[in-house]
Amino acid sequence: MVYFFPVCFCCLSPWQKDAPTDVCWEHFPLKDIANVKTPTLILVGGNDEWVPPQQSIDLYRALKSDGVPNRLCVATRTGHGWQELRHRLFQMNIEMEWF
């Protein structure tokens, strides 16, 4: 699994020697996933540079393994925010279907 860790205030990654792992753990995306019970719709761009798609895949898998209803939709060739018309239409249809 690959996770995006926000840069800690001391500019260390969690893998560096003497990294503040407690701070990194507090910002770990899936730290409290066992508490999630809300059905979740996950929309991600396949080329998203702000939120790596692997995070969405890991979220989907974690929710699924906990029995939480969820759906993952990946728009290929798009980044953060779906810009192509067909992706936007797909997104609207998925959201209407979900809710």
C-alpha atoms as a PDB file:
ATOM      1  CA  MET A   1       0.000   0.000   0.000  1.00  0.00           C
ATOM      2  CA  VAL A   2       1.152   3.504  -0.779  1.00  0.00           C
ATOM      3  CA  TYR A   3       0.010   6.452   1.306  1.00  0.00           C
ATOM      4  CA  PHE A   4       0.505  10.156   0.997  1.00  0.00           C
ATOM      5  CA  PHE A   5       1.832  11.629   4.195  1.00  0.00           C
ATOM      6  CA  PRO A   6       1.570  15.375   4.552  1.00  0.00           C
ATOM      7  CA  VAL A   7       4.930  16.961   5.097  1.00  0.00           C
ATOM      8  CA  CYS A   8       5.475  17.163   8.817  1.00  0.00           C
ATOM      9  CA  PHE A   9       6.277  20.516  10.342  1.00  0.00           C
ATOM     10  CA  CYS A  10       9.901  19.446  10.561  1.00  0.00           C
ATOM     11  CA  CYS A  11      10.068  18.537   6.839  1.00  0.00           C
ATOM     12  CA  LEU A  12      10.866  14.871   7.429  1.00  0.00           C
ATOM     13  CA  SER A  13       9.184  11.935   5.791  1.00  0.00           C
ATOM     14  CA  PRO A  14       8.011   9.113   8.075  1.00  0.00           C
ATOM     15  CA  TRP A  15      10.754   6.875   6.679  1.00  0.00           C
ATOM     16  CA  GLN A  16      13.677   9.081   7.633  1.00  0.00           C
ATOM     17  CA  LYS A  17      15.741   8.347  10.703  1.00  0.00           C
ATOM     18  CA  ASP A  18      14.337  10.160  13.745  1.00  0.00           C
ATOM     19  CA  ALA A  19      11.159  11.073  11.873  1.00  0.00           C
ATOM     20  CA  PRO A  20       8.272  12.207  14.087  1.00  0.00           C
ATOM     21  CA  THR A  21       6.250   9.046  13.491  1.00  0.00           C
ATOM     22  CA  ASP A  22       3.652  10.058  16.077  1.00  0.00           C
ATOM     23  CA  VAL A  23       2.835  13.181  14.045  1.00  0.00           C
ATOM     24  CA  CYS A  24       2.768  11.196  10.816  1.00  0.00           C
ATOM     25  CA  TRP A  25       0.501   8.566  12.385  1.00  0.00           C
ATOM     26  CA  GLU A  26      -1.967  11.262  13.449  1.00  0.00           C
ATOM     27  CA  HIS A  27      -2.281  12.268   9.777  1.00  0.00           C
ATOM     28  CA  PHE A  28      -2.344   8.711   8.416  1.00  0.00           C
ATOM     29  CA  PRO A  29      -5.305   8.499   6.012  1.00  0.00           C
ATOM     30  CA  LEU A  30      -6.572   5.105   7.187  1.00  0.00           C
ATOM     31  CA  LYS A  31      -5.783   5.420  10.892  1.00  0.00           C
ATOM     32  CA  ASP A  32      -9.433   5.426  11.998  1.00  0.00           C
ATOM     33  CA  ILE A  33     -10.939   3.414   9.143  1.00  0.00           C
ATOM     34  CA  ALA A  34     -12.433   0.831  11.526  1.00  0.00           C
ATOM     35  CA  ASN A  35     -14.779   3.548  12.838  1.00  0.00           C
ATOM     36  CA  VAL A  36     -16.236   4.300   9.405  1.00  0.00           C
ATOM     37  CA  LYS A  37     -19.716   2.887   8.861  1.00  0.00           C
ATOM     38  CA  THR A  38     -21.104   5.398   6.353  1.00  0.00           C
ATOM     39  CA  PRO A  39     -21.596   4.153   2.783  1.00  0.00           C
ATOM     40  CA  THR A  40     -18.929   5.892   0.730  1.00  0.00           C
ATOM     41  CA  LEU A  41     -18.693   6.917  -2.915  1.00  0.00           C
ATOM     42  CA  ILE A  42     -15.077   7.384  -3.985  1.00  0.00           C
ATOM     43  CA  LEU A  43     -14.325   9.372  -7.153  1.00  0.00           C
ATOM     44  CA  VAL A  44     -10.720   9.755  -8.274  1.00  0.00           C
ATOM     45  CA  GLY A  45      -8.792  10.816 -11.340  1.00  0.00           C
ATOM     46  CA  GLY A  46      -6.368   8.217 -12.634  1.00  0.00           C
ATOM     47  CA  ASN A  47      -3.675  10.891 -13.029  1.00  0.00           C
ATOM     48  CA  ASP A  48      -4.437  12.824  -9.850  1.00  0.00           C
ATOM     49  CA  GLU A  49      -1.248  14.375  -8.491  1.00  0.00           C
ATOM     50  CA  TRP A  50      -2.882  15.899  -5.393  1.00  0.00           C
ATOM     51  CA  VAL A  51      -4.440  12.716  -4.066  1.00  0.00           C
ATOM     52  CA  PRO A  52      -2.624   9.650  -5.379  1.00  0.00           C
ATOM     53  CA  PRO A  53      -5.147   7.178  -6.846  1.00  0.00           C
ATOM     54  CA  GLN A  54      -3.621   4.401  -4.753  1.00  0.00           C
ATOM     55  CA  GLN A  55      -5.033   6.107  -1.653  1.00  0.00           C
ATOM     56  CA  SER A  56      -8.533   5.793  -3.073  1.00  0.00           C
ATOM     57  CA  ILE A  57      -7.943   2.153  -3.954  1.00  0.00           C
ATOM     58  CA  ASP A  58      -6.678   1.460  -0.436  1.00  0.00           C
ATOM     59  CA  LEU A  59      -9.683   3.283   1.043  1.00  0.00           C
ATOM     60  CA  TYR A  60     -12.025   1.203  -1.119  1.00  0.00           C
ATOM     61  CA  ARG A  61     -10.343  -2.042  -0.055  1.00  0.00           C
ATOM     62  CA  ALA A  62     -10.329  -1.097   3.628  1.00  0.00           C
ATOM     63  CA  LEU A  63     -14.013  -0.174   3.604  1.00  0.00           C
ATOM     64  CA  LYS A  64     -14.884  -3.313   1.667  1.00  0.00           C
ATOM     65  CA  SER A  65     -12.970  -5.517   4.099  1.00  0.00           C
ATOM     66  CA  ASP A  66     -14.925  -3.927   6.968  1.00  0.00           C
ATOM     67  CA  GLY A  67     -18.232  -4.559   5.181  1.00  0.00           C
ATOM     68  CA  VAL A  68     -18.952  -0.872   4.543  1.00  0.00           C
ATOM     69  CA  PRO A  69     -20.902  -0.310   1.316  1.00  0.00           C
ATOM     70  CA  ASN A  70     -18.769   1.691  -1.078  1.00  0.00           C
ATOM     71  CA  ARG A  71     -18.020   2.238  -4.730  1.00  0.00           C
ATOM     72  CA  LEU A  72     -14.804   3.326  -6.419  1.00  0.00           C
ATOM     73  CA  CYS A  73     -14.873   5.168  -9.749  1.00  0.00           C
ATOM     74  CA  VAL A  74     -11.604   6.052 -11.478  1.00  0.00           C
ATOM     75  CA  ALA A  75     -11.571   8.464 -14.421  1.00  0.00           C
ATOM     76  CA  THR A  76      -8.608   7.581 -16.591  1.00  0.00           C
ATOM     77  CA  ARG A  77      -6.469  10.313 -18.138  1.00  0.00           C
ATOM     78  CA  THR A  78      -7.706  12.964 -15.736  1.00  0.00           C
ATOM     79  CA  GLY A  79      -6.199  14.603 -12.704  1.00  0.00           C
ATOM     80  CA  HIS A  80      -7.743  16.187  -9.632  1.00  0.00           C
ATOM     81  CA  GLY A  81     -11.239  17.186 -10.665  1.00  0.00           C
ATOM     82  CA  TRP A  82     -12.834  15.520 -13.632  1.00  0.00           C
ATOM     83  CA  GLN A  83     -12.603  17.873 -16.609  1.00  0.00           C
ATOM     84  CA  GLU A  84     -13.591  15.830 -19.664  1.00  0.00           C
ATOM     85  CA  LEU A  85     -17.265  16.144 -20.527  1.00  0.00           C
ATOM     86  CA  ARG A  86     -17.833  12.402 -20.562  1.00  0.00           C
ATOM     87  CA  HIS A  87     -16.212  12.075 -17.141  1.00  0.00           C
ATOM     88  CA  ARG A  88     -18.363  14.902 -15.766  1.00  0.00           C
ATOM     89  CA  LEU A  89     -21.524  13.277 -17.148  1.00  0.00           C
ATOM     90  CA  PHE A  90     -20.470   9.920 -15.729  1.00  0.00           C
ATOM     91  CA  GLN A  91     -19.809  11.582 -12.369  1.00  0.00           C
ATOM     92  CA  MET A  92     -23.241  13.214 -12.316  1.00  0.00           C
ATOM     93  CA  ASN A  93     -24.961   9.935 -13.174  1.00  0.00           C
ATOM     94  CA  ILE A  94     -22.998   8.020 -10.533  1.00  0.00           C
ATOM     95  CA  GLU A  95     -23.791  10.631  -7.889  1.00  0.00           C
ATOM     96  CA  MET A  96     -27.507  10.628  -8.729  1.00  0.00           C
ATOM     97  CA  GLU A  97     -27.549   6.833  -8.645  1.00  0.00           C
ATOM     98  CA  TRP A  98     -25.638   6.741  -5.351  1.00  0.00           C
ATOM     99  CA  PHE A  99     -27.881   9.207  -3.557  1.00  0.00           C
END
